[in-house]
C-alpha atoms as a PDB file:
ATOM      1  CA  UNK A   1     -33.976   6.211  -6.652  1.00  0.00           C
ATOM      2  CA  UNK A   2     -32.379   9.035  -4.990  1.00  0.00           C
ATOM      3  CA  UNK A   3     -29.276   7.692  -2.732  1.00  0.00           C
ATOM      4  CA  UNK A   4     -30.583   9.360   0.362  1.00  0.00           C
ATOM      5  CA  UNK A   5     -33.741   7.349   0.121  1.00  0.00           C
ATOM      6  CA  UNK A   6     -32.017   3.712  -0.717  1.00  0.00           C
ATOM      7  CA  UNK A   7     -29.736   4.374   2.460  1.00  0.00           C
ATOM      8  CA  UNK A   8     -33.104   5.077   4.508  1.00  0.00           C
ATOM      9  CA  UNK A   9     -34.476   1.645   3.023  1.00  0.00           C
ATOM     10  CA  UNK A  10     -31.015   0.224   4.136  1.00  0.00           C
ATOM     11  CA  UNK A  11     -31.033   1.700   7.735  1.00  0.00           C
ATOM     12  CA  UNK A  12     -34.821   0.221   8.005  1.00  0.00           C
ATOM     13  CA  UNK A  13     -33.194  -3.000   7.112  1.00  0.00           C
ATOM     14  CA  UNK A  14     -30.611  -2.583   9.359  1.00  0.00           C
ATOM     15  CA  UNK A  15     -32.515  -1.866  12.523  1.00  0.00           C
ATOM     16  CA  UNK A  16     -35.389  -4.549  11.603  1.00  0.00           C
ATOM     17  CA  UNK A  17     -32.635  -7.612  11.522  1.00  0.00           C
ATOM     18  CA  UNK A  18     -33.301  -9.164  14.852  1.00  0.00           C
ATOM     19  CA  UNK A  19     -33.329 -12.394  12.988  1.00  0.00           C
ATOM     20  CA  UNK A  20     -31.015 -14.484  11.019  1.00  0.00           C
ATOM     21  CA  UNK A  21     -32.712 -13.850   8.112  1.00  0.00           C
ATOM     22  CA  UNK A  22     -33.213  -9.940   8.359  1.00  0.00           C
ATOM     23  CA  UNK A  23     -29.479 -10.094   9.009  1.00  0.00           C
ATOM     24  CA  UNK A  24     -28.658 -11.486   5.299  1.00  0.00           C
ATOM     25  CA  UNK A  25     -31.267  -9.517   3.611  1.00  0.00           C
ATOM     26  CA  UNK A  26     -29.810  -6.341   4.997  1.00  0.00           C
ATOM     27  CA  UNK A  27     -26.072  -7.970   4.115  1.00  0.00           C
ATOM     28  CA  UNK A  28     -27.371  -8.207   0.640  1.00  0.00           C
ATOM     29  CA  UNK A  29     -29.237  -4.898   0.440  1.00  0.00           C
ATOM     30  CA  UNK A  30     -25.929  -3.110   1.467  1.00  0.00           C
ATOM     31  CA  UNK A  31     -23.428  -4.827  -0.635  1.00  0.00           C
ATOM     32  CA  UNK A  32     -25.765  -4.829  -3.577  1.00  0.00           C
ATOM     33  CA  UNK A  33     -25.818  -1.274  -3.053  1.00  0.00           C
ATOM     34  CA  UNK A  34     -22.402  -1.030  -2.400  1.00  0.00           C
ATOM     35  CA  UNK A  35     -21.157  -2.387  -5.490  1.00  0.00           C
ATOM     36  CA  UNK A  36     -23.378  -0.210  -7.490  1.00  0.00           C
ATOM     37  CA  UNK A  37     -21.887   3.135  -6.189  1.00  0.00           C
ATOM     38  CA  UNK A  38     -18.765   4.986  -6.416  1.00  0.00           C
ATOM     39  CA  UNK A  39     -15.964   5.835  -4.097  1.00  0.00           C
ATOM     40  CA  UNK A  40     -17.591   9.161  -3.542  1.00  0.00           C
ATOM     41  CA  UNK A  41     -21.331   7.993  -3.363  1.00  0.00           C
ATOM     42  CA  UNK A  42     -20.296   5.177  -0.880  1.00  0.00           C
ATOM     43  CA  UNK A  43     -18.363   8.405   1.104  1.00  0.00           C
ATOM     44  CA  UNK A  44     -22.116  10.357   0.390  1.00  0.00           C
ATOM     45  CA  UNK A  45     -23.611   7.084   1.398  1.00  0.00           C
ATOM     46  CA  UNK A  46     -22.162   7.353   4.466  1.00  0.00           C
ATOM     47  CA  UNK A  47     -22.325  10.722   5.657  1.00  0.00           C
ATOM     48  CA  UNK A  48     -26.355  10.325   4.528  1.00  0.00           C
ATOM     49  CA  UNK A  49     -26.443   7.236   7.185  1.00  0.00           C
ATOM     50  CA  UNK A  50     -24.872   8.729  10.273  1.00  0.00           C
ATOM     51  CA  UNK A  51     -26.890  11.933   9.729  1.00  0.00           C
ATOM     52  CA  UNK A  52     -30.233   9.285   9.655  1.00  0.00           C
ATOM     53  CA  UNK A  53     -28.850   7.218  12.326  1.00  0.00           C
ATOM     54  CA  UNK A  54     -28.650  10.776  14.490  1.00  0.00           C
ATOM     55  CA  UNK A  55     -31.972  11.313  13.328  1.00  0.00           C
ATOM     56  CA  UNK A  56     -33.363   8.267  14.432  1.00  0.00           C
ATOM     57  CA  UNK A  57     -31.817   8.570  18.073  1.00  0.00           C
ATOM     58  CA  UNK A  58     -32.560  11.547  18.627  1.00  0.00           C
ATOM     59  CA  UNK A  59     -36.306  10.864  17.940  1.00  0.00           C
ATOM     60  CA  UNK A  60     -36.191   8.262  20.196  1.00  0.00           C
ATOM     61  CA  UNK A  61     -35.093  10.378  23.081  1.00  0.00           C
ATOM     62  CA  UNK A  62     -38.150  13.090  22.576  1.00  0.00           C
ATOM     63  CA  UNK A  63     -40.754  12.764  25.320  1.00  0.00           C
ATOM     64  CA  UNK A  64     -44.155  12.645  24.307  1.00  0.00           C
ATOM     65  CA  UNK A  65     -45.641  15.330  26.807  1.00  0.00           C
ATOM     66  CA  UNK A  66     -49.094  15.206  24.702  1.00  0.00           C
ATOM     67  CA  UNK A  67     -50.792  12.368  26.078  1.00  0.00           C
ATOM     68  CA  UNK A  68     -52.417  12.632  29.397  1.00  0.00           C
ATOM     69  CA  UNK A  69     -51.637   8.973  30.614  1.00  0.00           C
ATOM     70  CA  UNK A  70     -53.753   9.361  33.906  1.00  0.00           C
ATOM     71  CA  UNK A  71     -56.245   9.914  32.294  1.00  0.00           C
ATOM     72  CA  UNK A  72     -55.674   6.843  29.403  1.00  0.00           C
ATOM     73  CA  UNK A  73     -55.199   4.935  32.536  1.00  0.00           C
ATOM     74  CA  UNK A  74     -57.901   5.598  34.721  1.00  0.00           C
ATOM     75  CA  UNK A  75     -60.393   2.853  34.535  1.00  0.00           C
ATOM     76  CA  UNK A  76     -57.491   0.572  35.083  1.00  0.00           C
ATOM     77  CA  UNK A  77     -54.739   1.705  37.253  1.00  0.00           C
ATOM     78  CA  UNK A  78     -56.842  -0.235  40.089  1.00  0.00           C
ATOM     79  CA  UNK A  79     -57.219  -2.885  38.280  1.00  0.00           C
ATOM     80  CA  UNK A  80     -53.447  -3.424  37.248  1.00  0.00           C
ATOM     81  CA  UNK A  81     -50.448  -3.554  39.241  1.00  0.00           C
ATOM     82  CA  UNK A  82     -48.418  -0.129  37.813  1.00  0.00           C
ATOM     83  CA  UNK A  83     -45.253  -1.662  40.241  1.00  0.00           C
ATOM     84  CA  UNK A  84     -45.319  -5.437  38.603  1.00  0.00           C
ATOM     85  CA  UNK A  85     -45.245  -3.340  34.875  1.00  0.00           C
ATOM     86  CA  UNK A  86     -42.368  -1.163  35.802  1.00  0.00           C
ATOM     87  CA  UNK A  87     -40.430  -3.895  37.192  1.00  0.00           C
ATOM     88  CA  UNK A  88     -41.093  -6.755  34.568  1.00  0.00           C
ATOM     89  CA  UNK A  89     -40.938  -4.725  31.795  1.00  0.00           C
ATOM     90  CA  UNK A  90     -39.394  -1.798  32.267  1.00  0.00           C
ATOM     91  CA  UNK A  91     -37.099  -3.023  35.035  1.00  0.00           C
ATOM     92  CA  UNK A  92     -37.344   0.228  36.990  1.00  0.00           C
ATOM     93  CA  UNK A  93     -39.167   0.680  39.848  1.00  0.00           C
ATOM     94  CA  UNK A  94     -42.937   1.352  40.797  1.00  0.00           C
ATOM     95  CA  UNK A  95     -41.602   6.021  41.024  1.00  0.00           C
ATOM     96  CA  UNK A  96     -39.925   5.710  37.686  1.00  0.00           C
ATOM     97  CA  UNK A  97     -43.450   4.588  36.278  1.00  0.00           C
ATOM     98  CA  UNK A  98     -45.901   7.026  38.709  1.00  0.00           C
ATOM     99  CA  UNK A  99     -43.849   9.925  37.352  1.00  0.00           C
ATOM    100  CA  UNK A 100     -44.215   9.355  33.796  1.00  0.00           C
ATOM    101  CA  UNK A 101     -47.640   8.990  34.127  1.00  0.00           C
ATOM    102  CA  UNK A 102     -48.026  11.547  36.231  1.00  0.00           C
ATOM    103  CA  UNK A 103     -45.773  14.091  34.557  1.00  0.00           C
ATOM    104  CA  UNK A 104     -44.424  14.543  38.191  1.00  0.00           C
ATOM    105  CA  UNK A 105     -41.800  17.234  37.381  1.00  0.00           C
ATOM    106  CA  UNK A 106     -38.571  16.111  37.741  1.00  0.00           C
ATOM    107  CA  UNK A 107     -35.400  18.042  37.170  1.00  0.00           C
ATOM    108  CA  UNK A 108     -37.278  20.622  36.281  1.00  0.00           C
ATOM    109  CA  UNK A 109     -38.909  19.357  33.441  1.00  0.00           C
ATOM    110  CA  UNK A 110     -42.582  17.372  33.751  1.00  0.00           C
ATOM    111  CA  UNK A 111     -41.547  13.385  33.573  1.00  0.00           C
ATOM    112  CA  UNK A 112     -43.150  11.793  30.462  1.00  0.00           C
ATOM    113  CA  UNK A 113     -42.475   8.599  28.131  1.00  0.00           C
ATOM    114  CA  UNK A 114     -40.695   8.347  24.643  1.00  0.00           C
ATOM    115  CA  UNK A 115     -42.451   6.696  21.845  1.00  0.00           C
ATOM    116  CA  UNK A 116     -40.509   3.149  22.585  1.00  0.00           C
ATOM    117  CA  UNK A 117     -41.321   3.418  26.132  1.00  0.00           C
ATOM    118  CA  UNK A 118     -45.149   3.858  24.920  1.00  0.00           C
ATOM    119  CA  UNK A 119     -45.056   1.202  22.771  1.00  0.00           C
ATOM    120  CA  UNK A 120     -43.389  -0.831  25.297  1.00  0.00           C
ATOM    121  CA  UNK A 121     -46.231   0.024  28.051  1.00  0.00           C
ATOM    122  CA  UNK A 122     -48.834  -0.883  25.424  1.00  0.00           C
ATOM    123  CA  UNK A 123     -47.557  -4.555  24.525  1.00  0.00           C
ATOM    124  CA  UNK A 124     -47.182  -4.386  28.281  1.00  0.00           C
ATOM    125  CA  UNK A 125     -50.889  -3.649  28.615  1.00  0.00           C
ATOM    126  CA  UNK A 126     -51.693  -6.035  25.836  1.00  0.00           C
ATOM    127  CA  UNK A 127     -49.474  -8.956  27.260  1.00  0.00           C
ATOM    128  CA  UNK A 128     -51.017  -8.365  30.674  1.00  0.00           C
ATOM    129  CA  UNK A 129     -54.783  -8.628  29.195  1.00  0.00           C
ATOM    130  CA  UNK A 130     -54.171 -12.108  27.038  1.00  0.00           C
ATOM    131  CA  UNK A 131     -52.609 -13.659  30.536  1.00  0.00           C
ATOM    132  CA  UNK A 132     -55.962 -12.228  31.903  1.00  0.00           C
ATOM    133  CA  UNK A 133     -57.869 -13.699  29.082  1.00  0.00           C
ATOM    134  CA  UNK A 134     -55.838 -17.003  29.523  1.00  0.00           C
ATOM    135  CA  UNK A 135     -56.614 -17.672  33.192  1.00  0.00           C
ATOM    136  CA  UNK A 136     -60.879 -16.606  32.268  1.00  0.00           C
ATOM    137  CA  UNK A 137     -60.527 -19.003  29.755  1.00  0.00           C
ATOM    138  CA  UNK A 138     -58.931 -21.821  31.446  1.00  0.00           C
ATOM    139  CA  UNK A 139     -61.784 -21.550  34.381  1.00  0.00           C
ATOM    140  CA  UNK A 140     -64.464 -22.534  32.068  1.00  0.00           C
END
């Protein structure tokens, strides 16, 4: 397997290692990979890892202006509290959230969500939906 692919696998394991078991798996993979490489390959792997991490950081910061959030939330915007979502899920004020939903121009650029923020917003809606379902079920 190509060195870059091996390093990508390690980076994926490392970034997903939010449990003790996941950390052990990432450490184990790193130890096996490191033992199989020459000193020169280890240096090359380190450089590849820095490049991959930089690419991933950059992609997390890309704003998704291709999604019309105002349109997607049109049916539920009056039903849910966007202020609650901003505060409890993003730890921001409601104006921050409304700027992104409406694509308001801030500092010369339209405000938008990153992929990470979109995933968090989706999780927040799912969480609120399950709370509503739970309340509904408790009434029966």
